[in-house]
């Protein structure tokens, strides 16, 4: 009888600890959840819009990680009018968060992964790519990747 009641006694003691009264605190303001395509620990820098004015390009300054001439970072692309875009094989989306690697010495860039969100901020797709799936490509002058390279490679030789 004692052996069976021991676990029950431990359980009651633990339950009593969990209900210990706490000092009153000011209640937090309750806000409805807002859809968010980015974590709170981001510092988005506006890099401008696409030539047709339909896509806003931003770069998360807090995501920049340098390792020699290689730099990884995140960018965010927001599409203003979805009807104006041809998504090809990419699912229709409002926002994409992308991780990139730029080689500052070779002036190349490569997409590492992509997360897509709909108009309500809900994640609809996520993709990761290895070296054989997406090869590094040359950075084209005056492109979005060129603007990114100028920012993330600042201070490197040649920048």
N, C-alpha and C. Protein backbone atom coordinates (compact mmCIF):
# COMPACT_ATOMS: atom_id res chain seq x y z
N UNK A 1 0.81 -1.19 0.00
CA UNK A 1 0.00 0.00 0.00
C UNK A 1 0.87 1.27 0.00
N UNK A 2 1.96 1.28 0.78
CA UNK A 2 2.84 2.44 0.82
C UNK A 2 3.52 2.67 -0.53
N UNK A 3 3.90 1.58 -1.22
CA UNK A 3 4.59 1.70 -2.50
C UNK A 3 3.68 2.36 -3.53
N UNK A 4 2.39 2.02 -3.54
CA UNK A 4 1.46 2.62 -4.50
C UNK A 4 1.15 4.07 -4.17
N UNK A 5 1.14 4.43 -2.93
CA UNK A 5 0.78 5.80 -2.57
C UNK A 5 1.97 6.76 -2.71
N UNK A 6 3.20 6.26 -2.75
CA UNK A 6 4.38 7.14 -2.86
C UNK A 6 4.34 7.96 -4.15
N UNK A 7 4.10 7.36 -5.34
CA UNK A 7 4.04 8.19 -6.54
C UNK A 7 2.91 9.20 -6.49
N UNK A 8 1.78 8.82 -5.89
CA UNK A 8 0.66 9.74 -5.78
C UNK A 8 1.04 10.92 -4.89
N UNK A 9 1.73 10.66 -3.78
CA UNK A 9 2.17 11.72 -2.87
C UNK A 9 3.14 12.67 -3.58
N UNK A 10 4.09 12.13 -4.35
CA UNK A 10 5.05 12.95 -5.10
C UNK A 10 4.30 13.82 -6.11
N UNK A 11 3.33 13.23 -6.82
CA UNK A 11 2.56 13.96 -7.81
C UNK A 11 1.79 15.11 -7.16
N UNK A 12 1.19 14.87 -6.00
CA UNK A 12 0.45 15.92 -5.29
C UNK A 12 1.38 17.04 -4.83
N UNK A 13 2.57 16.67 -4.33
CA UNK A 13 3.54 17.69 -3.92
C UNK A 13 3.96 18.57 -5.10
N UNK A 14 4.23 17.92 -6.27
CA UNK A 14 4.61 18.69 -7.46
C UNK A 14 3.47 19.58 -7.92
N UNK A 15 2.25 19.08 -7.87
CA UNK A 15 1.10 19.88 -8.28
C UNK A 15 0.94 21.08 -7.36
N UNK A 16 1.19 20.88 -6.07
CA UNK A 16 1.11 21.99 -5.11
C UNK A 16 2.15 23.05 -5.42
N UNK A 17 3.34 22.64 -5.84
CA UNK A 17 4.39 23.60 -6.17
C UNK A 17 3.99 24.43 -7.39
N UNK A 18 3.32 23.79 -8.33
CA UNK A 18 2.96 24.48 -9.56
C UNK A 18 1.89 25.53 -9.32
N UNK A 19 1.14 25.42 -8.20
CA UNK A 19 0.05 26.37 -7.95
C UNK A 19 0.39 27.38 -6.89
N UNK A 20 1.66 27.53 -6.56
CA UNK A 20 2.07 28.53 -5.57
C UNK A 20 1.69 29.91 -6.09
N UNK A 21 1.02 30.72 -5.28
CA UNK A 21 0.61 32.05 -5.76
C UNK A 21 1.82 32.91 -6.11
N UNK A 22 1.69 33.67 -7.18
CA UNK A 22 2.73 34.58 -7.64
C UNK A 22 2.32 36.00 -7.29
N UNK A 23 3.28 36.90 -7.04
CA UNK A 23 2.91 38.29 -6.77
C UNK A 23 2.21 38.88 -7.99
N UNK A 24 1.28 39.77 -7.74
CA UNK A 24 0.53 40.39 -8.83
C UNK A 24 1.47 41.26 -9.67
N UNK A 25 1.31 41.16 -10.98
CA UNK A 25 2.09 41.99 -11.89
C UNK A 25 1.13 42.70 -12.82
N UNK A 26 1.60 43.73 -13.45
CA UNK A 26 0.78 44.44 -14.41
C UNK A 26 0.55 43.54 -15.60
N UNK A 27 -0.72 43.34 -16.00
CA UNK A 27 -0.97 42.46 -17.13
C UNK A 27 -0.38 43.03 -18.42
N UNK A 28 0.13 42.14 -19.23
CA UNK A 28 0.70 42.56 -20.51
C UNK A 28 -0.42 42.94 -21.46
N UNK A 29 -0.12 43.85 -22.36
CA UNK A 29 -1.10 44.24 -23.36
C UNK A 29 -1.24 43.09 -24.35
N UNK A 30 -2.45 42.68 -24.56
CA UNK A 30 -2.70 41.57 -25.49
C UNK A 30 -2.99 42.15 -26.86
N UNK A 31 -2.22 41.71 -27.84
CA UNK A 31 -2.41 42.16 -29.21
C UNK A 31 -2.77 40.97 -30.06
N UNK A 32 -3.60 41.15 -31.07
CA UNK A 32 -3.86 40.04 -31.98
C UNK A 32 -2.58 39.69 -32.73
N UNK A 33 -2.44 38.42 -33.03
CA UNK A 33 -1.25 37.97 -33.75
C UNK A 33 -1.24 38.60 -35.13
N UNK A 34 -0.08 39.14 -35.49
CA UNK A 34 0.07 39.71 -36.82
C UNK A 34 0.93 38.77 -37.65
N UNK A 35 0.54 38.52 -38.89
CA UNK A 35 1.38 37.67 -39.72
C UNK A 35 2.73 38.34 -39.92
N UNK A 36 3.77 37.57 -39.85
CA UNK A 36 5.10 38.12 -40.01
C UNK A 36 5.94 37.19 -40.86
N UNK A 37 6.57 37.75 -41.86
CA UNK A 37 7.42 36.96 -42.74
C UNK A 37 8.88 37.01 -42.30
N UNK A 38 9.14 37.63 -41.15
CA UNK A 38 10.52 37.74 -40.71
C UNK A 38 10.60 37.69 -39.19
N UNK A 39 11.66 37.11 -38.68
CA UNK A 39 11.82 37.12 -37.23
C UNK A 39 12.07 38.53 -36.71
N UNK A 40 11.85 38.72 -35.41
CA UNK A 40 12.01 40.04 -34.80
C UNK A 40 13.45 40.51 -34.84
N UNK A 41 14.39 39.60 -34.88
CA UNK A 41 15.80 39.98 -34.86
C UNK A 41 16.32 40.19 -36.28
N UNK A 42 15.75 41.18 -36.94
CA UNK A 42 16.18 41.52 -38.29
C UNK A 42 16.29 43.03 -38.40
N UNK A 43 17.19 43.48 -39.26
CA UNK A 43 17.36 44.89 -39.53
C UNK A 43 17.35 45.05 -41.04
N UNK A 44 16.17 45.29 -41.59
CA UNK A 44 16.00 45.30 -43.05
C UNK A 44 16.42 46.64 -43.64
N UNK A 45 17.33 46.57 -44.59
CA UNK A 45 17.76 47.76 -45.32
C UNK A 45 17.14 47.71 -46.71
N UNK A 46 16.46 48.77 -47.08
CA UNK A 46 15.82 48.87 -48.38
C UNK A 46 16.90 49.03 -49.45
N UNK A 47 16.89 48.11 -50.43
CA UNK A 47 17.84 48.20 -51.55
C UNK A 47 17.18 48.70 -52.82
N UNK A 48 15.90 49.03 -52.75
CA UNK A 48 15.20 49.56 -53.91
C UNK A 48 14.21 48.55 -54.49
N UNK A 49 13.64 48.94 -55.60
CA UNK A 49 12.64 48.11 -56.26
C UNK A 49 13.18 47.61 -57.60
N UNK A 50 12.51 46.57 -58.10
CA UNK A 50 12.88 45.99 -59.40
C UNK A 50 12.63 47.01 -60.50
N UNK A 51 13.22 46.79 -61.70
CA UNK A 51 13.03 47.75 -62.79
C UNK A 51 11.56 48.04 -63.11
N UNK A 52 10.68 47.03 -62.95
CA UNK A 52 9.26 47.29 -63.23
C UNK A 52 8.53 47.89 -62.04
N UNK A 53 9.24 48.09 -60.92
CA UNK A 53 8.66 48.72 -59.74
C UNK A 53 7.74 47.83 -58.93
N UNK A 54 7.73 46.53 -59.20
CA UNK A 54 6.77 45.64 -58.55
C UNK A 54 7.35 44.82 -57.40
N UNK A 55 8.67 44.78 -57.27
CA UNK A 55 9.29 43.97 -56.20
C UNK A 55 10.22 44.84 -55.38
N UNK A 56 9.96 44.87 -54.07
CA UNK A 56 10.82 45.58 -53.13
C UNK A 56 11.91 44.63 -52.67
N UNK A 57 13.17 45.04 -52.77
CA UNK A 57 14.31 44.24 -52.32
C UNK A 57 14.88 44.82 -51.04
N UNK A 58 15.04 43.96 -50.02
CA UNK A 58 15.61 44.38 -48.75
C UNK A 58 16.65 43.37 -48.30
N UNK A 59 17.60 43.81 -47.51
CA UNK A 59 18.65 42.93 -47.00
C UNK A 59 18.69 43.05 -45.48
N UNK A 60 18.75 41.91 -44.81
CA UNK A 60 18.81 41.87 -43.34
C UNK A 60 20.25 42.07 -42.91
N UNK A 61 20.56 43.25 -42.38
CA UNK A 61 21.93 43.57 -41.97
C UNK A 61 22.41 42.69 -40.83
N UNK A 62 21.49 42.22 -39.98
CA UNK A 62 21.88 41.38 -38.85
C UNK A 62 22.24 39.95 -39.29
N UNK A 63 21.88 39.58 -40.50
CA UNK A 63 22.15 38.22 -40.97
C UNK A 63 23.50 38.07 -41.65
N UNK A 64 24.20 39.16 -41.88
CA UNK A 64 25.46 39.11 -42.63
C UNK A 64 26.53 38.38 -41.83
N UNK A 65 27.07 37.31 -42.43
CA UNK A 65 28.14 36.51 -41.80
C UNK A 65 29.29 36.41 -42.80
N UNK A 66 30.46 36.89 -42.38
CA UNK A 66 31.63 36.87 -43.27
C UNK A 66 32.59 35.78 -42.85
N UNK A 67 33.12 35.07 -43.85
CA UNK A 67 34.16 34.06 -43.63
C UNK A 67 35.13 34.18 -44.80
N UNK A 68 36.16 34.99 -44.60
CA UNK A 68 37.08 35.28 -45.69
C UNK A 68 36.32 36.04 -46.77
N UNK A 69 36.49 35.63 -48.03
CA UNK A 69 35.80 36.33 -49.12
C UNK A 69 34.33 35.91 -49.26
N UNK A 70 33.90 34.86 -48.52
CA UNK A 70 32.52 34.39 -48.61
C UNK A 70 31.64 35.10 -47.59
N UNK A 71 30.49 35.54 -48.04
CA UNK A 71 29.53 36.22 -47.17
C UNK A 71 28.17 35.56 -47.37
N UNK A 72 27.52 35.17 -46.27
CA UNK A 72 26.14 34.69 -46.34
C UNK A 72 25.25 35.74 -45.70
N UNK A 73 24.01 35.83 -46.19
CA UNK A 73 23.06 36.82 -45.69
C UNK A 73 21.66 36.44 -46.15
N UNK A 74 20.67 37.12 -45.56
CA UNK A 74 19.27 36.94 -45.96
C UNK A 74 18.77 38.18 -46.67
N UNK A 75 17.90 37.96 -47.63
CA UNK A 75 17.19 39.08 -48.22
C UNK A 75 15.70 38.78 -48.19
N UNK A 76 14.92 39.83 -48.39
CA UNK A 76 13.47 39.70 -48.45
C UNK A 76 13.00 40.40 -49.70
N UNK A 77 12.16 39.72 -50.45
CA UNK A 77 11.56 40.31 -51.64
C UNK A 77 10.05 40.32 -51.44
N UNK A 78 9.46 41.50 -51.57
CA UNK A 78 8.03 41.66 -51.40
C UNK A 78 7.43 42.09 -52.73
N UNK A 79 6.44 41.34 -53.19
CA UNK A 79 5.78 41.62 -54.46
C UNK A 79 4.55 42.48 -54.19
N UNK A 80 4.46 43.62 -54.84
CA UNK A 80 3.34 44.53 -54.62
C UNK A 80 2.08 44.02 -55.32
N UNK A 81 2.17 43.69 -56.60
CA UNK A 81 1.01 43.25 -57.37
C UNK A 81 1.30 41.86 -57.94
N UNK A 82 0.70 40.83 -57.34
CA UNK A 82 0.97 39.45 -57.74
C UNK A 82 0.54 39.17 -59.18
N UNK A 83 -0.45 39.88 -59.67
CA UNK A 83 -0.95 39.65 -61.04
C UNK A 83 0.07 40.06 -62.09
N UNK A 84 0.99 40.94 -61.73
CA UNK A 84 2.01 41.41 -62.68
C UNK A 84 3.21 40.47 -62.77
N UNK A 85 3.29 39.47 -61.90
CA UNK A 85 4.47 38.61 -61.87
C UNK A 85 4.20 37.27 -62.54
N UNK A 86 5.22 36.75 -63.22
CA UNK A 86 5.19 35.42 -63.79
C UNK A 86 6.04 34.54 -62.88
N UNK A 87 5.39 33.65 -62.13
CA UNK A 87 6.09 32.87 -61.11
C UNK A 87 6.77 31.62 -61.68
N UNK A 88 6.51 31.29 -62.94
CA UNK A 88 7.09 30.11 -63.58
C UNK A 88 6.87 28.88 -62.69
N UNK A 89 7.93 28.22 -62.24
CA UNK A 89 7.78 27.00 -61.43
C UNK A 89 7.75 27.28 -59.93
N UNK A 90 7.91 28.55 -59.54
CA UNK A 90 7.87 28.92 -58.12
C UNK A 90 6.41 29.13 -57.71
N UNK A 91 5.99 28.61 -56.56
CA UNK A 91 4.61 28.85 -56.12
C UNK A 91 4.30 30.35 -56.00
N UNK A 92 3.06 30.72 -56.31
CA UNK A 92 2.62 32.11 -56.18
C UNK A 92 2.79 32.53 -54.73
N UNK A 93 3.42 33.70 -54.51
CA UNK A 93 3.71 34.15 -53.15
C UNK A 93 3.79 35.67 -53.11
N UNK A 94 3.65 36.21 -51.91
CA UNK A 94 3.74 37.66 -51.69
C UNK A 94 5.15 38.06 -51.24
N UNK A 95 5.75 37.23 -50.37
CA UNK A 95 7.06 37.54 -49.79
C UNK A 95 7.95 36.31 -49.89
N UNK A 96 9.20 36.52 -50.21
CA UNK A 96 10.19 35.44 -50.14
C UNK A 96 11.34 35.90 -49.25
N UNK A 97 11.75 34.99 -48.36
CA UNK A 97 12.95 35.19 -47.55
C UNK A 97 13.99 34.23 -48.12
N UNK A 98 15.13 34.76 -48.50
CA UNK A 98 16.13 33.98 -49.19
C UNK A 98 17.47 34.08 -48.50
N UNK A 99 18.20 32.97 -48.45
CA UNK A 99 19.58 32.99 -47.94
C UNK A 99 20.51 32.86 -49.13
N UNK A 100 21.52 33.70 -49.15
CA UNK A 100 22.46 33.77 -50.26
C UNK A 100 23.90 33.64 -49.76
N UNK A 101 24.77 33.25 -50.69
CA UNK A 101 26.21 33.30 -50.45
C UNK A 101 26.84 34.07 -51.60
N UNK A 102 27.60 35.09 -51.26
CA UNK A 102 28.33 35.86 -52.27
C UNK A 102 29.81 35.63 -52.03
N UNK A 103 30.54 35.38 -53.11
CA UNK A 103 32.00 35.30 -53.05
C UNK A 103 32.52 36.65 -53.53
N UNK A 104 33.00 37.44 -52.58
CA UNK A 104 33.44 38.81 -52.89
C UNK A 104 34.66 38.83 -53.81
N UNK A 105 35.51 37.80 -53.75
CA UNK A 105 36.71 37.79 -54.59
C UNK A 105 36.38 37.34 -56.02
N UNK A 106 35.41 36.47 -56.16
CA UNK A 106 35.05 35.96 -57.49
C UNK A 106 33.87 36.71 -58.12
N UNK A 107 33.19 37.55 -57.32
CA UNK A 107 32.00 38.28 -57.78
C UNK A 107 30.92 37.32 -58.27
N UNK A 108 30.67 36.28 -57.46
CA UNK A 108 29.62 35.31 -57.79
C UNK A 108 28.63 35.24 -56.62
N UNK A 109 27.43 34.75 -56.92
CA UNK A 109 26.42 34.58 -55.88
C UNK A 109 25.69 33.26 -56.11
N UNK A 110 25.12 32.73 -55.01
CA UNK A 110 24.39 31.46 -55.09
C UNK A 110 23.27 31.48 -54.06
N UNK A 111 22.10 31.01 -54.47
CA UNK A 111 20.96 30.88 -53.58
C UNK A 111 21.13 29.63 -52.74
N UNK A 112 20.99 29.76 -51.41
CA UNK A 112 21.11 28.62 -50.50
C UNK A 112 19.75 28.07 -50.10
N UNK A 113 18.82 28.95 -49.77
CA UNK A 113 17.47 28.49 -49.45
C UNK A 113 16.47 29.62 -49.61
N UNK A 114 15.18 29.23 -49.66
CA UNK A 114 14.10 30.17 -49.92
C UNK A 114 12.87 29.72 -49.13
N UNK A 115 12.21 30.68 -48.48
CA UNK A 115 10.95 30.42 -47.78
C UNK A 115 9.93 31.40 -48.35
N UNK A 116 8.78 30.86 -48.77
CA UNK A 116 7.75 31.68 -49.41
C UNK A 116 6.55 31.85 -48.49
N UNK A 117 5.96 33.06 -48.51
CA UNK A 117 4.80 33.39 -47.69
C UNK A 117 3.70 33.96 -48.57
N UNK A 118 2.44 33.67 -48.21
CA UNK A 118 1.30 34.21 -48.96
C UNK A 118 0.95 35.61 -48.47
N UNK A 119 -0.17 36.16 -48.98
CA UNK A 119 -0.58 37.52 -48.63
C UNK A 119 -0.92 37.67 -47.15
N UNK A 120 -1.23 36.58 -46.47
CA UNK A 120 -1.58 36.63 -45.05
C UNK A 120 -0.39 36.34 -44.14
N UNK A 121 0.81 36.20 -44.71
CA UNK A 121 2.00 35.95 -43.91
C UNK A 121 2.19 34.49 -43.54
N UNK A 122 1.39 33.60 -44.12
CA UNK A 122 1.53 32.16 -43.84
C UNK A 122 2.58 31.55 -44.76
N UNK A 123 3.43 30.73 -44.18
CA UNK A 123 4.45 30.05 -44.98
C UNK A 123 3.77 29.04 -45.90
N UNK A 124 4.11 29.09 -47.18
CA UNK A 124 3.50 28.17 -48.14
C UNK A 124 4.51 27.21 -48.76
N UNK A 125 5.79 27.51 -48.67
CA UNK A 125 6.81 26.63 -49.23
C UNK A 125 8.17 26.96 -48.65
N UNK A 126 9.04 25.97 -48.68
CA UNK A 126 10.41 26.14 -48.21
C UNK A 126 11.32 25.26 -49.06
N UNK A 127 12.42 25.81 -49.53
CA UNK A 127 13.34 25.07 -50.39
C UNK A 127 14.77 25.30 -49.92
N UNK A 128 15.60 24.27 -49.98
CA UNK A 128 17.03 24.38 -49.73
C UNK A 128 17.76 23.83 -50.94
N UNK A 129 18.89 24.42 -51.27
CA UNK A 129 19.62 24.03 -52.47
C UNK A 129 21.08 23.76 -52.14
N UNK A 130 21.64 22.71 -52.76
CA UNK A 130 23.06 22.43 -52.58
C UNK A 130 23.82 22.91 -53.83
N UNK A 131 25.14 22.73 -53.81
CA UNK A 131 25.99 23.23 -54.90
C UNK A 131 25.63 22.62 -56.25
N UNK A 132 25.18 21.37 -56.27
CA UNK A 132 24.88 20.75 -57.56
C UNK A 132 23.52 21.19 -58.10
N UNK A 133 22.62 21.62 -57.22
CA UNK A 133 21.30 22.06 -57.66
C UNK A 133 21.32 23.49 -58.21
N UNK A 134 22.06 24.35 -57.55
CA UNK A 134 22.20 25.74 -58.00
C UNK A 134 23.67 26.11 -57.93
N UNK A 135 24.23 26.35 -59.08
CA UNK A 135 25.64 26.73 -59.17
C UNK A 135 25.81 28.23 -58.92
N UNK A 136 26.98 28.62 -58.47
CA UNK A 136 27.30 30.04 -58.31
C UNK A 136 27.27 30.70 -59.68
N UNK A 137 26.70 31.89 -59.73
CA UNK A 137 26.59 32.63 -60.99
C UNK A 137 27.27 33.98 -60.84
N UNK A 138 27.75 34.54 -61.95
CA UNK A 138 28.39 35.85 -61.88
C UNK A 138 27.39 36.94 -61.49
N UNK A 139 27.84 37.89 -60.71
CA UNK A 139 27.00 39.03 -60.34
C UNK A 139 26.98 39.98 -61.54
N UNK A 140 25.79 40.35 -61.97
CA UNK A 140 25.62 41.26 -63.11
C UNK A 140 25.51 42.68 -62.59
N UNK A 141 26.29 43.58 -63.21
CA UNK A 141 26.31 44.96 -62.76
C UNK A 141 24.91 45.57 -62.81
N UNK A 142 24.59 46.39 -61.79
CA UNK A 142 23.32 47.10 -61.65
C UNK A 142 22.13 46.19 -61.39
N UNK A 143 22.36 44.92 -61.04
CA UNK A 143 21.28 44.00 -60.69
C UNK A 143 21.05 44.06 -59.18
N UNK A 144 20.00 43.36 -58.71
CA UNK A 144 19.74 43.27 -57.27
C UNK A 144 20.93 42.61 -56.57
N UNK A 145 21.50 41.57 -57.17
CA UNK A 145 22.65 40.90 -56.54
C UNK A 145 23.87 41.81 -56.52
N UNK A 146 23.98 42.71 -57.47
CA UNK A 146 25.08 43.67 -57.48
C UNK A 146 24.95 44.64 -56.29
N UNK A 147 23.72 45.12 -56.05
CA UNK A 147 23.48 46.00 -54.91
C UNK A 147 23.80 45.28 -53.60
N UNK A 148 23.41 44.00 -53.53
CA UNK A 148 23.71 43.19 -52.34
C UNK A 148 25.21 43.02 -52.15
N UNK A 149 25.91 42.72 -53.25
CA UNK A 149 27.36 42.52 -53.19
C UNK A 149 28.06 43.79 -52.71
N UNK A 150 27.65 44.94 -53.21
CA UNK A 150 28.27 46.20 -52.78
C UNK A 150 28.13 46.39 -51.27
N UNK A 151 26.98 46.00 -50.74
CA UNK A 151 26.73 46.18 -49.31
C UNK A 151 27.47 45.16 -48.46
N UNK A 152 27.36 43.87 -48.80
CA UNK A 152 27.93 42.83 -47.93
C UNK A 152 29.45 42.68 -48.10
N UNK A 153 29.99 43.11 -49.22
CA UNK A 153 31.43 42.99 -49.44
C UNK A 153 32.20 44.25 -49.08
N UNK A 154 31.49 45.24 -48.57
CA UNK A 154 32.14 46.50 -48.19
C UNK A 154 33.29 46.21 -47.22
N UNK A 155 34.44 46.78 -47.52
CA UNK A 155 35.63 46.56 -46.68
C UNK A 155 36.52 45.44 -47.19
N UNK A 156 36.01 44.61 -48.10
CA UNK A 156 36.81 43.54 -48.69
C UNK A 156 37.70 44.14 -49.79
N UNK A 157 38.79 43.46 -50.16
CA UNK A 157 39.63 43.96 -51.25
C UNK A 157 38.82 44.18 -52.52
N UNK A 158 38.98 45.33 -53.13
CA UNK A 158 38.25 45.65 -54.35
C UNK A 158 36.92 46.33 -54.10
N UNK A 159 36.56 46.52 -52.85
CA UNK A 159 35.27 47.17 -52.55
C UNK A 159 35.49 48.39 -51.74
